[in-house]
Amino acid sequence: MAGIPFFSVEIGIALSAVLLGLAIANDAKLPLIATMAGVGFFAMFHGHAHGEEMPTSAEPCLYALGFVLGTGLIQLLGLLLGWIVSRIPFRRTVFRLSGATLAILGIYFLV
């Protein structure tokens, strides 16, 4: 929102989808510090894209609040979906296929 340039935003976002999808598809158990570093790194790309796309007529605080609330809602829905899927017999397959799908979509956006 401050107009600070950032490099390869679209590529960073697509790579985040590829790497997260591969981690889910492979049922990767990464160290917490590596996970936190990856989330923080890729959050810069996602956050920059949202700030850069803010309409000039928007109030920055309300725009940011909308993204925070929207992101929180998406995360809650993801947790709910994960909880539901975790109770079905073929849950590992569903989780791994969802990860593979995410990775494929990320590759599609890279290409």
PDB file of N, CA and C in Angstrom:
ATOM      1  N   MET A   1       0.827  -1.195   0.000  1.00  0.00           N
ATOM      2  CA  MET A   1       0.000   0.000   0.000  1.00  0.00           C
ATOM      3  C   MET A   1       0.866   1.251   0.000  1.00  0.00           C
ATOM      4  N   ALA A   2       2.117   1.109   0.439  1.00  0.00           N
ATOM      5  CA  ALA A   2       3.025   2.253   0.491  1.00  0.00           C
ATOM      6  C   ALA A   2       3.722   2.479  -0.842  1.00  0.00           C
ATOM      7  N   GLY A   3       3.489   1.617  -1.820  1.00  0.00           N
ATOM      8  CA  GLY A   3       4.092   1.783  -3.131  1.00  0.00           C
ATOM      9  C   GLY A   3       5.525   1.290  -3.213  1.00  0.00           C
ATOM     10  N   ILE A   4       5.949   0.476  -2.265  1.00  0.00           N
ATOM     11  CA  ILE A   4       7.307  -0.065  -2.277  1.00  0.00           C
ATOM     12  C   ILE A   4       7.363  -1.197  -3.297  1.00  0.00           C
ATOM     13  N   PRO A   5       8.286  -1.117  -4.261  1.00  0.00           N
ATOM     14  CA  PRO A   5       8.356  -2.180  -5.272  1.00  0.00           C
ATOM     15  C   PRO A   5       8.854  -3.490  -4.671  1.00  0.00           C
ATOM     16  N   PHE A   6       8.387  -4.583  -5.240  1.00  0.00           N
ATOM     17  CA  PHE A   6       8.772  -5.916  -4.779  1.00  0.00           C
ATOM     18  C   PHE A   6       8.961  -6.777  -6.009  1.00  0.00           C
ATOM     19  N   PHE A   7       9.851  -7.710  -5.965  1.00  0.00           N
ATOM     20  CA  PHE A   7      10.225  -8.497  -7.127  1.00  0.00           C
ATOM     21  C   PHE A   7       9.357  -9.743  -7.307  1.00  0.00           C
ATOM     22  N   SER A   8       9.050 -10.075  -8.522  1.00  0.00           N
ATOM     23  CA  SER A   8       8.436 -11.349  -8.917  1.00  0.00           C
ATOM     24  C   SER A   8       7.290 -11.803  -8.024  1.00  0.00           C
ATOM     25  N   VAL A   9       6.342 -10.926  -7.781  1.00  0.00           N
ATOM     26  CA  VAL A   9       5.241 -11.220  -6.863  1.00  0.00           C
ATOM     27  C   VAL A   9       4.429 -12.425  -7.334  1.00  0.00           C
ATOM     28  N   GLU A  10       4.064 -12.440  -8.606  1.00  0.00           N
ATOM     29  CA  GLU A  10       3.240 -13.544  -9.118  1.00  0.00           C
ATOM     30  C   GLU A  10       3.987 -14.877  -9.042  1.00  0.00           C
ATOM     31  N   ILE A  11       5.275 -14.851  -9.329  1.00  0.00           N
ATOM     32  CA  ILE A  11       6.070 -16.078  -9.255  1.00  0.00           C
ATOM     33  C   ILE A  11       6.151 -16.563  -7.810  1.00  0.00           C
ATOM     34  N   GLY A  12       6.337 -15.642  -6.864  1.00  0.00           N
ATOM     35  CA  GLY A  12       6.392 -16.019  -5.452  1.00  0.00           C
ATOM     36  C   GLY A  12       5.091 -16.645  -4.972  1.00  0.00           C
ATOM     37  N   ILE A  13       3.977 -16.097  -5.410  1.00  0.00           N
ATOM     38  CA  ILE A  13       2.678 -16.643  -5.018  1.00  0.00           C
ATOM     39  C   ILE A  13       2.487 -18.038  -5.615  1.00  0.00           C
ATOM     40  N   ALA A  14       2.818 -18.194  -6.895  1.00  0.00           N
ATOM     41  CA  ALA A  14       2.677 -19.501  -7.536  1.00  0.00           C
ATOM     42  C   ALA A  14       3.608 -20.525  -6.887  1.00  0.00           C
ATOM     43  N   LEU A  15       4.843 -20.135  -6.573  1.00  0.00           N
ATOM     44  CA  LEU A  15       5.773 -21.053  -5.911  1.00  0.00           C
ATOM     45  C   LEU A  15       5.267 -21.467  -4.531  1.00  0.00           C
ATOM     46  N   SER A  16       4.604 -20.542  -3.840  1.00  0.00           N
ATOM     47  CA  SER A  16       4.061 -20.901  -2.525  1.00  0.00           C
ATOM     48  C   SER A  16       3.005 -21.986  -2.665  1.00  0.00           C
ATOM     49  N   ALA A  17       2.194 -21.917  -3.717  1.00  0.00           N
ATOM     50  CA  ALA A  17       1.181 -22.954  -3.959  1.00  0.00           C
ATOM     51  C   ALA A  17       1.843 -24.279  -4.309  1.00  0.00           C
ATOM     52  N   VAL A  18       2.877 -24.242  -5.139  1.00  0.00           N
ATOM     53  CA  VAL A  18       3.583 -25.469  -5.523  1.00  0.00           C
ATOM     54  C   VAL A  18       4.199 -26.130  -4.291  1.00  0.00           C
ATOM     55  N   LEU A  19       4.940 -25.360  -3.502  1.00  0.00           N
ATOM     56  CA  LEU A  19       5.636 -25.937  -2.350  1.00  0.00           C
ATOM     57  C   LEU A  19       4.680 -26.424  -1.272  1.00  0.00           C
ATOM     58  N   LEU A  20       3.627 -25.654  -0.990  1.00  0.00           N
ATOM     59  CA  LEU A  20       2.647 -26.099   0.002  1.00  0.00           C
ATOM     60  C   LEU A  20       1.935 -27.355  -0.494  1.00  0.00           C
ATOM     61  N   GLY A  21       1.553 -27.361  -1.767  1.00  0.00           N
ATOM     62  CA  GLY A  21       0.891 -28.529  -2.334  1.00  0.00           C
ATOM     63  C   GLY A  21       1.769 -29.773  -2.277  1.00  0.00           C
ATOM     64  N   LEU A  22       3.054 -29.615  -2.607  1.00  0.00           N
ATOM     65  CA  LEU A  22       3.973 -30.753  -2.543  1.00  0.00           C
ATOM     66  C   LEU A  22       4.149 -31.247  -1.111  1.00  0.00           C
ATOM     67  N   ALA A  23       4.222 -30.317  -0.169  1.00  0.00           N
ATOM     68  CA  ALA A  23       4.364 -30.710   1.241  1.00  0.00           C
ATOM     69  C   ALA A  23       3.143 -31.499   1.705  1.00  0.00           C
ATOM     70  N   ILE A  24       1.956 -31.053   1.316  1.00  0.00           N
ATOM     71  CA  ILE A  24       0.728 -31.760   1.703  1.00  0.00           C
ATOM     72  C   ILE A  24       0.652 -33.114   0.991  1.00  0.00           C
ATOM     73  N   ALA A  25       0.939 -33.125  -0.304  1.00  0.00           N
ATOM     74  CA  ALA A  25       0.850 -34.368  -1.080  1.00  0.00           C
ATOM     75  C   ALA A  25       1.823 -35.427  -0.566  1.00  0.00           C
ATOM     76  N   ASN A  26       2.978 -34.983  -0.082  1.00  0.00           N
ATOM     77  CA  ASN A  26       3.988 -35.918   0.420  1.00  0.00           C
ATOM     78  C   ASN A  26       3.904 -36.135   1.924  1.00  0.00           C
ATOM     79  N   ASP A  27       2.881 -35.565   2.544  1.00  0.00           N
ATOM     80  CA  ASP A  27       2.696 -35.684   3.997  1.00  0.00           C
ATOM     81  C   ASP A  27       3.990 -35.322   4.736  1.00  0.00           C
ATOM     82  N   ALA A  28       4.601 -34.218   4.293  1.00  0.00           N
ATOM     83  CA  ALA A  28       5.891 -33.787   4.843  1.00  0.00           C
ATOM     84  C   ALA A  28       5.741 -33.317   6.289  1.00  0.00           C
ATOM     85  N   LYS A  29       6.678 -33.695   7.098  1.00  0.00           N
ATOM     86  CA  LYS A  29       6.750 -33.257   8.497  1.00  0.00           C
ATOM     87  C   LYS A  29       7.982 -32.363   8.617  1.00  0.00           C
ATOM     88  N   LEU A  30       7.790 -31.081   8.372  1.00  0.00           N
ATOM     89  CA  LEU A  30       8.894 -30.130   8.386  1.00  0.00           C
ATOM     90  C   LEU A  30       9.112 -29.575   9.786  1.00  0.00           C
ATOM     91  N   PRO A  31      10.351 -29.171  10.103  1.00  0.00           N
ATOM     92  CA  PRO A  31      10.595 -28.530  11.395  1.00  0.00           C
ATOM     93  C   PRO A  31       9.782 -27.234  11.506  1.00  0.00           C
ATOM     94  N   LEU A  32       9.331 -26.927  12.692  1.00  0.00           N
ATOM     95  CA  LEU A  32       8.497 -25.748  12.911  1.00  0.00           C
ATOM     96  C   LEU A  32       9.177 -24.481  12.423  1.00  0.00           C
ATOM     97  N   ILE A  33      10.464 -24.322  12.680  1.00  0.00           N
ATOM     98  CA  ILE A  33      11.166 -23.098  12.275  1.00  0.00           C
ATOM     99  C   ILE A  33      11.189 -22.965  10.751  1.00  0.00           C
ATOM    100  N   ALA A  34      11.347 -24.074  10.036  1.00  0.00           N
ATOM    101  CA  ALA A  34      11.332 -24.031   8.570  1.00  0.00           C
ATOM    102  C   ALA A  34       9.943 -23.657   8.061  1.00  0.00           C
ATOM    103  N   THR A  35       8.926 -24.203   8.688  1.00  0.00           N
ATOM    104  CA  THR A  35       7.552 -23.875   8.306  1.00  0.00           C
ATOM    105  C   THR A  35       7.265 -22.400   8.547  1.00  0.00           C
ATOM    106  N   MET A  36       7.664 -21.897   9.708  1.00  0.00           N
ATOM    107  CA  MET A  36       7.440 -20.485  10.031  1.00  0.00           C
ATOM    108  C   MET A  36       8.188 -19.567   9.068  1.00  0.00           C
ATOM    109  N   ALA A  37       9.420 -19.927   8.737  1.00  0.00           N
ATOM    110  CA  ALA A  37      10.204 -19.115   7.803  1.00  0.00           C
ATOM    111  C   ALA A  37       9.549 -19.109   6.418  1.00  0.00           C
ATOM    112  N   GLY A  38       9.079 -20.264   5.972  1.00  0.00           N
ATOM    113  CA  GLY A  38       8.415 -20.343   4.672  1.00  0.00           C
ATOM    114  C   GLY A  38       7.130 -19.536   4.631  1.00  0.00           C
ATOM    115  N   VAL A  39       6.340 -19.649   5.680  1.00  0.00           N
ATOM    116  CA  VAL A  39       5.087 -18.882   5.743  1.00  0.00           C
ATOM    117  C   VAL A  39       5.387 -17.385   5.730  1.00  0.00           C
ATOM    118  N   GLY A  40       6.353 -16.965   6.525  1.00  0.00           N
ATOM    119  CA  GLY A  40       6.712 -15.541   6.569  1.00  0.00           C
ATOM    120  C   GLY A  40       7.237 -15.042   5.235  1.00  0.00           C
ATOM    121  N   PHE A  41       8.078 -15.847   4.598  1.00  0.00           N
ATOM    122  CA  PHE A  41       8.651 -15.454   3.306  1.00  0.00           C
ATOM    123  C   PHE A  41       7.559 -15.286   2.260  1.00  0.00           C
ATOM    124  N   PHE A  42       6.699 -16.289   2.126  1.00  0.00           N
ATOM    125  CA  PHE A  42       5.673 -16.220   1.093  1.00  0.00           C
ATOM    126  C   PHE A  42       4.552 -15.247   1.459  1.00  0.00           C
ATOM    127  N   ALA A  43       4.372 -14.954   2.725  1.00  0.00           N
ATOM    128  CA  ALA A  43       3.375 -13.955   3.133  1.00  0.00           C
ATOM    129  C   ALA A  43       3.722 -12.582   2.566  1.00  0.00           C
ATOM    130  N   MET A  44       5.010 -12.305   2.408  1.00  0.00           N
ATOM    131  CA  MET A  44       5.410 -11.017   1.831  1.00  0.00           C
ATOM    132  C   MET A  44       4.880 -10.871   0.403  1.00  0.00           C
ATOM    133  N   PHE A  45       4.922 -11.948  -0.360  1.00  0.00           N
ATOM    134  CA  PHE A  45       4.429 -11.896  -1.741  1.00  0.00           C
ATOM    135  C   PHE A  45       2.913 -11.711  -1.770  1.00  0.00           C
ATOM    136  N   HIS A  46       2.222 -12.511  -0.958  1.00  0.00           N
ATOM    137  CA  HIS A  46       0.760 -12.413  -0.920  1.00  0.00           C
ATOM    138  C   HIS A  46       0.323 -11.039  -0.404  1.00  0.00           C
ATOM    139  N   GLY A  47       0.935 -10.577   0.671  1.00  0.00           N
ATOM    140  CA  GLY A  47       0.580  -9.275   1.238  1.00  0.00           C
ATOM    141  C   GLY A  47       0.867  -8.141   0.278  1.00  0.00           C
ATOM    142  N   HIS A  48       1.996  -8.203  -0.407  1.00  0.00           N
ATOM    143  CA  HIS A  48       2.332  -7.151  -1.368  1.00  0.00           C
ATOM    144  C   HIS A  48       1.305  -7.096  -2.489  1.00  0.00           C
ATOM    145  N   ALA A  49       0.888  -8.259  -2.967  1.00  0.00           N
ATOM    146  CA  ALA A  49      -0.108  -8.294  -4.045  1.00  0.00           C
ATOM    147  C   ALA A  49      -1.412  -7.637  -3.602  1.00  0.00           C
ATOM    148  N   HIS A  50      -1.834  -7.932  -2.376  1.00  0.00           N
ATOM    149  CA  HIS A  50      -3.079  -7.330  -1.881  1.00  0.00           C
ATOM    150  C   HIS A  50      -2.936  -5.820  -1.721  1.00  0.00           C
ATOM    151  N   GLY A  51      -1.823  -5.390  -1.180  1.00  0.00           N
ATOM    152  CA  GLY A  51      -1.616  -3.950  -1.003  1.00  0.00           C
ATOM    153  C   GLY A  51      -1.499  -3.219  -2.325  1.00  0.00           C
ATOM    154  N   GLU A  52      -0.840  -3.836  -3.274  1.00  0.00           N
ATOM    155  CA  GLU A  52      -0.645  -3.224  -4.589  1.00  0.00           C
ATOM    156  C   GLU A  52      -1.962  -3.093  -5.349  1.00  0.00           C
ATOM    157  N   GLU A  53      -2.886  -4.007  -5.097  1.00  0.00           N
ATOM    158  CA  GLU A  53      -4.152  -4.008  -5.823  1.00  0.00           C
ATOM    159  C   GLU A  53      -5.240  -3.179  -5.149  1.00  0.00           C
ATOM    160  N   MET A  54      -4.894  -2.507  -4.067  1.00  0.00           N
ATOM    161  CA  MET A  54      -5.890  -1.696  -3.372  1.00  0.00           C
ATOM    162  C   MET A  54      -6.358  -0.552  -4.272  1.00  0.00           C
ATOM    163  N   PRO A  55      -7.662  -0.393  -4.437  1.00  0.00           N
ATOM    164  CA  PRO A  55      -8.162   0.728  -5.241  1.00  0.00           C
ATOM    165  C   PRO A  55      -7.780   2.061  -4.595  1.00  0.00           C
ATOM    166  N   THR A  56      -7.518   3.061  -5.418  1.00  0.00           N
ATOM    167  CA  THR A  56      -7.118   4.367  -4.884  1.00  0.00           C
ATOM    168  C   THR A  56      -8.227   5.004  -4.051  1.00  0.00           C
ATOM    169  N   SER A  57      -9.464   4.623  -4.290  1.00  0.00           N
ATOM    170  CA  SER A  57     -10.577   5.207  -3.543  1.00  0.00           C
ATOM    171  C   SER A  57     -10.825   4.507  -2.206  1.00  0.00           C
ATOM    172  N   ALA A  58     -10.111   3.418  -1.942  1.00  0.00           N
ATOM    173  CA  ALA A  58     -10.342   2.641  -0.720  1.00  0.00           C
ATOM    174  C   ALA A  58      -9.650   3.300   0.482  1.00  0.00           C
ATOM    175  N   GLU A  59     -10.249   3.133   1.635  1.00  0.00           N
ATOM    176  CA  GLU A  59      -9.641   3.557   2.904  1.00  0.00           C
ATOM    177  C   GLU A  59      -8.662   2.460   3.324  1.00  0.00           C
ATOM    178  N   PRO A  60      -7.356   2.772   3.419  1.00  0.00           N
ATOM    179  CA  PRO A  60      -6.360   1.722   3.687  1.00  0.00           C
ATOM    180  C   PRO A  60      -6.635   0.875   4.925  1.00  0.00           C
ATOM    181  N   CYS A  61      -7.057   1.478   6.021  1.00  0.00           N
ATOM    182  CA  CYS A  61      -7.307   0.700   7.242  1.00  0.00           C
ATOM    183  C   CYS A  61      -8.475  -0.260   7.061  1.00  0.00           C
ATOM    184  N   LEU A  62      -9.543   0.212   6.440  1.00  0.00           N
ATOM    185  CA  LEU A  62     -10.699  -0.657   6.213  1.00  0.00           C
ATOM    186  C   LEU A  62     -10.379  -1.744   5.193  1.00  0.00           C
ATOM    187  N   TYR A  63      -9.601  -1.399   4.190  1.00  0.00           N
ATOM    188  CA  TYR A  63      -9.180  -2.379   3.187  1.00  0.00           C
ATOM    189  C   TYR A  63      -8.365  -3.480   3.854  1.00  0.00           C
ATOM    190  N   ALA A  64      -7.402  -3.095   4.683  1.00  0.00           N
ATOM    191  CA  ALA A  64      -6.574  -4.070   5.398  1.00  0.00           C
ATOM    192  C   ALA A  64      -7.419  -4.907   6.350  1.00  0.00           C
ATOM    193  N   LEU A  65      -8.347  -4.270   7.061  1.00  0.00           N
ATOM    194  CA  LEU A  65      -9.230  -4.992   7.977  1.00  0.00           C
ATOM    195  C   LEU A  65     -10.056  -6.029   7.217  1.00  0.00           C
ATOM    196  N   GLY A  66     -10.535  -5.667   6.037  1.00  0.00           N
ATOM    197  CA  GLY A  66     -11.286  -6.613   5.219  1.00  0.00           C
ATOM    198  C   GLY A  66     -10.456  -7.828   4.846  1.00  0.00           C
ATOM    199  N   PHE A  67      -9.190  -7.598   4.501  1.00  0.00           N
ATOM    200  CA  PHE A  67      -8.321  -8.728   4.160  1.00  0.00           C
ATOM    201  C   PHE A  67      -8.013  -9.587   5.374  1.00  0.00           C
ATOM    202  N   VAL A  68      -7.807  -8.960   6.518  1.00  0.00           N
ATOM    203  CA  VAL A  68      -7.539  -9.730   7.733  1.00  0.00           C
ATOM    204  C   VAL A  68      -8.750 -10.580   8.096  1.00  0.00           C
ATOM    205  N   LEU A  69      -9.930  -9.984   8.059  1.00  0.00           N
ATOM    206  CA  LEU A  69     -11.144 -10.735   8.378  1.00  0.00           C
ATOM    207  C   LEU A  69     -11.419 -11.817   7.338  1.00  0.00           C
ATOM    208  N   GLY A  70     -11.232 -11.483   6.067  1.00  0.00           N
ATOM    209  CA  GLY A  70     -11.436 -12.472   5.009  1.00  0.00           C
ATOM    210  C   GLY A  70     -10.463 -13.640   5.124  1.00  0.00           C
ATOM    211  N   THR A  71      -9.207 -13.338   5.409  1.00  0.00           N
ATOM    212  CA  THR A  71      -8.205 -14.390   5.574  1.00  0.00           C
ATOM    213  C   THR A  71      -8.533 -15.268   6.775  1.00  0.00           C
ATOM    214  N   GLY A  72      -8.950 -14.634   7.870  1.00  0.00           N
ATOM    215  CA  GLY A  72      -9.337 -15.402   9.057  1.00  0.00           C
ATOM    216  C   GLY A  72     -10.501 -16.329   8.771  1.00  0.00           C
ATOM    217  N   LEU A  73     -11.483 -15.845   8.020  1.00  0.00           N
ATOM    218  CA  LEU A  73     -12.638 -16.673   7.666  1.00  0.00           C
ATOM    219  C   LEU A  73     -12.218 -17.841   6.772  1.00  0.00           C
ATOM    220  N   ILE A  74     -11.359 -17.578   5.810  1.00  0.00           N
ATOM    221  CA  ILE A  74     -10.870 -18.656   4.942  1.00  0.00           C
ATOM    222  C   ILE A  74     -10.125 -19.704   5.769  1.00  0.00           C
ATOM    223  N   GLN A  75      -9.311 -19.261   6.717  1.00  0.00           N
ATOM    224  CA  GLN A  75      -8.574 -20.207   7.560  1.00  0.00           C
ATOM    225  C   GLN A  75      -9.522 -21.019   8.438  1.00  0.00           C
ATOM    226  N   LEU A  76     -10.538 -20.388   8.984  1.00  0.00           N
ATOM    227  CA  LEU A  76     -11.519 -21.129   9.789  1.00  0.00           C
ATOM    228  C   LEU A  76     -12.264 -22.158   8.952  1.00  0.00           C
ATOM    229  N   LEU A  77     -12.647 -21.774   7.740  1.00  0.00           N
ATOM    230  CA  LEU A  77     -13.322 -22.728   6.856  1.00  0.00           C
ATOM    231  C   LEU A  77     -12.388 -23.878   6.480  1.00  0.00           C
ATOM    232  N   GLY A  78     -11.102 -23.575   6.273  1.00  0.00           N
ATOM    233  CA  GLY A  78     -10.128 -24.626   5.989  1.00  0.00           C
ATOM    234  C   GLY A  78      -9.969 -25.585   7.153  1.00  0.00           C
ATOM    235  N   LEU A  79      -9.938 -25.033   8.369  1.00  0.00           N
ATOM    236  CA  LEU A  79      -9.859 -25.885   9.562  1.00  0.00           C
ATOM    237  C   LEU A  79     -11.096 -26.774   9.675  1.00  0.00           C
ATOM    238  N   LEU A  80     -12.266 -26.200   9.418  1.00  0.00           N
ATOM    239  CA  LEU A  80     -13.503 -26.972   9.470  1.00  0.00           C
ATOM    240  C   LEU A  80     -13.494 -28.083   8.421  1.00  0.00           C
ATOM    241  N   LEU A  81     -13.098 -27.755   7.206  1.00  0.00           N
ATOM    242  CA  LEU A  81     -13.032 -28.767   6.154  1.00  0.00           C
ATOM    243  C   LEU A  81     -12.016 -29.856   6.516  1.00  0.00           C
ATOM    244  N   GLY A  82     -10.856 -29.455   7.048  1.00  0.00           N
ATOM    245  CA  GLY A  82      -9.862 -30.432   7.477  1.00  0.00           C
ATOM    246  C   GLY A  82     -10.382 -31.330   8.577  1.00  0.00           C
ATOM    247  N   TRP A  83     -11.127 -30.752   9.513  1.00  0.00           N
ATOM    248  CA  TRP A  83     -11.713 -31.535  10.612  1.00  0.00           C
ATOM    249  C   TRP A  83     -12.721 -32.541  10.062  1.00  0.00           C
ATOM    250  N   ILE A  84     -13.548 -32.095   9.109  1.00  0.00           N
ATOM    251  CA  ILE A  84     -14.543 -32.991   8.512  1.00  0.00           C
ATOM    252  C   ILE A  84     -13.853 -34.125   7.763  1.00  0.00           C
ATOM    253  N   VAL A  85     -12.879 -33.783   6.934  1.00  0.00           N
ATOM    254  CA  VAL A  85     -12.181 -34.803   6.142  1.00  0.00           C
ATOM    255  C   VAL A  85     -11.406 -35.760   7.045  1.00  0.00           C
ATOM    256  N   SER A  86     -10.902 -35.266   8.176  1.00  0.00           N
ATOM    257  CA  SER A  86     -10.120 -36.129   9.072  1.00  0.00           C
ATOM    258  C   SER A  86     -10.956 -37.241   9.690  1.00  0.00           C
ATOM    259  N   ARG A  87     -12.260 -37.179   9.545  1.00  0.00           N
ATOM    260  CA  ARG A  87     -13.140 -38.183  10.121  1.00  0.00           C
ATOM    261  C   ARG A  87     -13.638 -39.215   9.113  1.00  0.00           C
ATOM    262  N   ILE A  88     -13.197 -39.111   7.871  1.00  0.00           N
ATOM    263  CA  ILE A  88     -13.628 -40.090   6.876  1.00  0.00           C
ATOM    264  C   ILE A  88     -12.552 -41.167   6.720  1.00  0.00           C
ATOM    265  N   PRO A  89     -12.932 -42.358   6.297  1.00  0.00           N
ATOM    266  CA  PRO A  89     -11.985 -43.480   6.237  1.00  0.00           C
ATOM    267  C   PRO A  89     -10.794 -43.259   5.295  1.00  0.00           C
ATOM    268  N   PHE A  90     -10.981 -42.606   4.181  1.00  0.00           N
ATOM    269  CA  PHE A  90      -9.912 -42.451   3.191  1.00  0.00           C
ATOM    270  C   PHE A  90      -9.305 -41.048   3.243  1.00  0.00           C
ATOM    271  N   ARG A  91      -9.176 -40.490   4.456  1.00  0.00           N
ATOM    272  CA  ARG A  91      -8.713 -39.114   4.653  1.00  0.00           C
ATOM    273  C   ARG A  91      -7.311 -38.860   4.105  1.00  0.00           C
ATOM    274  N   ARG A  92      -6.386 -39.806   4.287  1.00  0.00           N
ATOM    275  CA  ARG A  92      -5.023 -39.594   3.786  1.00  0.00           C
ATOM    276  C   ARG A  92      -5.031 -39.372   2.277  1.00  0.00           C
ATOM    277  N   THR A  93      -5.833 -40.151   1.580  1.00  0.00           N
ATOM    278  CA  THR A  93      -5.924 -40.014   0.130  1.00  0.00           C
ATOM    279  C   THR A  93      -6.493 -38.655  -0.246  1.00  0.00           C
ATOM    280  N   VAL A  94      -7.534 -38.218   0.456  1.00  0.00           N
ATOM    281  CA  VAL A  94      -8.153 -36.915   0.161  1.00  0.00           C
ATOM    282  C   VAL A  94      -7.157 -35.797   0.412  1.00  0.00           C
ATOM    283  N   PHE A  95      -6.445 -35.842   1.549  1.00  0.00           N
ATOM    284  CA  PHE A  95      -5.463 -34.797   1.851  1.00  0.00           C
ATOM    285  C   PHE A  95      -4.349 -34.783   0.805  1.00  0.00           C
ATOM    286  N   ARG A  96      -3.844 -35.954   0.448  1.00  0.00           N
ATOM    287  CA  ARG A  96      -2.733 -36.018  -0.499  1.00  0.00           C
ATOM    288  C   ARG A  96      -3.170 -35.572  -1.901  1.00  0.00           C
ATOM    289  N   LEU A  97      -4.372 -35.952  -2.309  1.00  0.00           N
ATOM    290  CA  LEU A  97      -4.873 -35.499  -3.606  1.00  0.00           C
ATOM    291  C   LEU A  97      -5.105 -33.985  -3.619  1.00  0.00           C
ATOM    292  N   SER A  98      -5.575 -33.439  -2.504  1.00  0.00           N
ATOM    293  CA  SER A  98      -5.764 -31.983  -2.449  1.00  0.00           C
ATOM    294  C   SER A  98      -4.424 -31.271  -2.541  1.00  0.00           C
ATOM    295  N   GLY A  99      -3.388 -31.818  -1.900  1.00  0.00           N
ATOM    296  CA  GLY A  99      -2.055 -31.231  -2.007  1.00  0.00           C
ATOM    297  C   GLY A  99      -1.524 -31.301  -3.424  1.00  0.00           C
ATOM    298  N   ALA A 100      -1.712 -32.445  -4.074  1.00  0.00           N
ATOM    299  CA  ALA A 100      -1.263 -32.596  -5.458  1.00  0.00           C
ATOM    300  C   ALA A 100      -1.993 -31.620  -6.376  1.00  0.00           C
ATOM    301  N   THR A 101      -3.278 -31.437  -6.136  1.00  0.00           N
ATOM    302  CA  THR A 101      -4.059 -30.491  -6.934  1.00  0.00           C
ATOM    303  C   THR A 101      -3.539 -29.077  -6.758  1.00  0.00           C
ATOM    304  N   LEU A 102      -3.251 -28.699  -5.526  1.00  0.00           N
ATOM    305  CA  LEU A 102      -2.707 -27.363  -5.262  1.00  0.00           C
ATOM    306  C   LEU A 102      -1.367 -27.180  -5.961  1.00  0.00           C
ATOM    307  N   ALA A 103      -0.494 -28.187  -5.906  1.00  0.00           N
ATOM    308  CA  ALA A 103       0.813 -28.098  -6.567  1.00  0.00           C
ATOM    309  C   ALA A 103       0.641 -27.959  -8.084  1.00  0.00           C
ATOM    310  N   ILE A 104      -0.278 -28.719  -8.652  1.00  0.00           N
ATOM    311  CA  ILE A 104      -0.514 -28.639 -10.099  1.00  0.00           C
ATOM    312  C   ILE A 104      -1.033 -27.262 -10.493  1.00  0.00           C
ATOM    313  N   LEU A 105      -1.929 -26.710  -9.690  1.00  0.00           N
ATOM    314  CA  LEU A 105      -2.431 -25.360  -9.976  1.00  0.00           C
ATOM    315  C   LEU A 105      -1.306 -24.330  -9.885  1.00  0.00           C
ATOM    316  N   GLY A 106      -0.432 -24.493  -8.907  1.00  0.00           N
ATOM    317  CA  GLY A 106       0.711 -23.585  -8.786  1.00  0.00           C
ATOM    318  C   GLY A 106       1.619 -23.674 -10.007  1.00  0.00           C
ATOM    319  N   ILE A 107       1.864 -24.888 -10.489  1.00  0.00           N
ATOM    320  CA  ILE A 107       2.676 -25.066 -11.689  1.00  0.00           C
ATOM    321  C   ILE A 107       1.993 -24.430 -12.905  1.00  0.00           C
ATOM    322  N   TYR A 108       0.676 -24.604 -12.990  1.00  0.00           N
ATOM    323  CA  TYR A 108      -0.090 -23.992 -14.071  1.00  0.00           C
ATOM    324  C   TYR A 108       0.110 -22.471 -14.063  1.00  0.00           C
ATOM    325  N   PHE A 109       0.041 -21.855 -12.893  1.00  0.00           N
ATOM    326  CA  PHE A 109       0.208 -20.401 -12.809  1.00  0.00           C
ATOM    327  C   PHE A 109       1.643 -19.974 -13.095  1.00  0.00           C
ATOM    328  N   LEU A 110       2.610 -20.836 -12.793  1.00  0.00           N
ATOM    329  CA  LEU A 110       4.001 -20.530 -13.145  1.00  0.00           C
ATOM    330  C   LEU A 110       4.214 -20.519 -14.666  1.00  0.00           C
ATOM    331  N   VAL A 111       3.548 -21.458 -15.318  1.00  0.00           N
ATOM    332  CA  VAL A 111       3.709 -21.575 -16.769  1.00  0.00           C
ATOM    333  C   VAL A 111       2.906 -20.469 -17.447  1.00  0.00           C
TER     334      VAL A 111
END
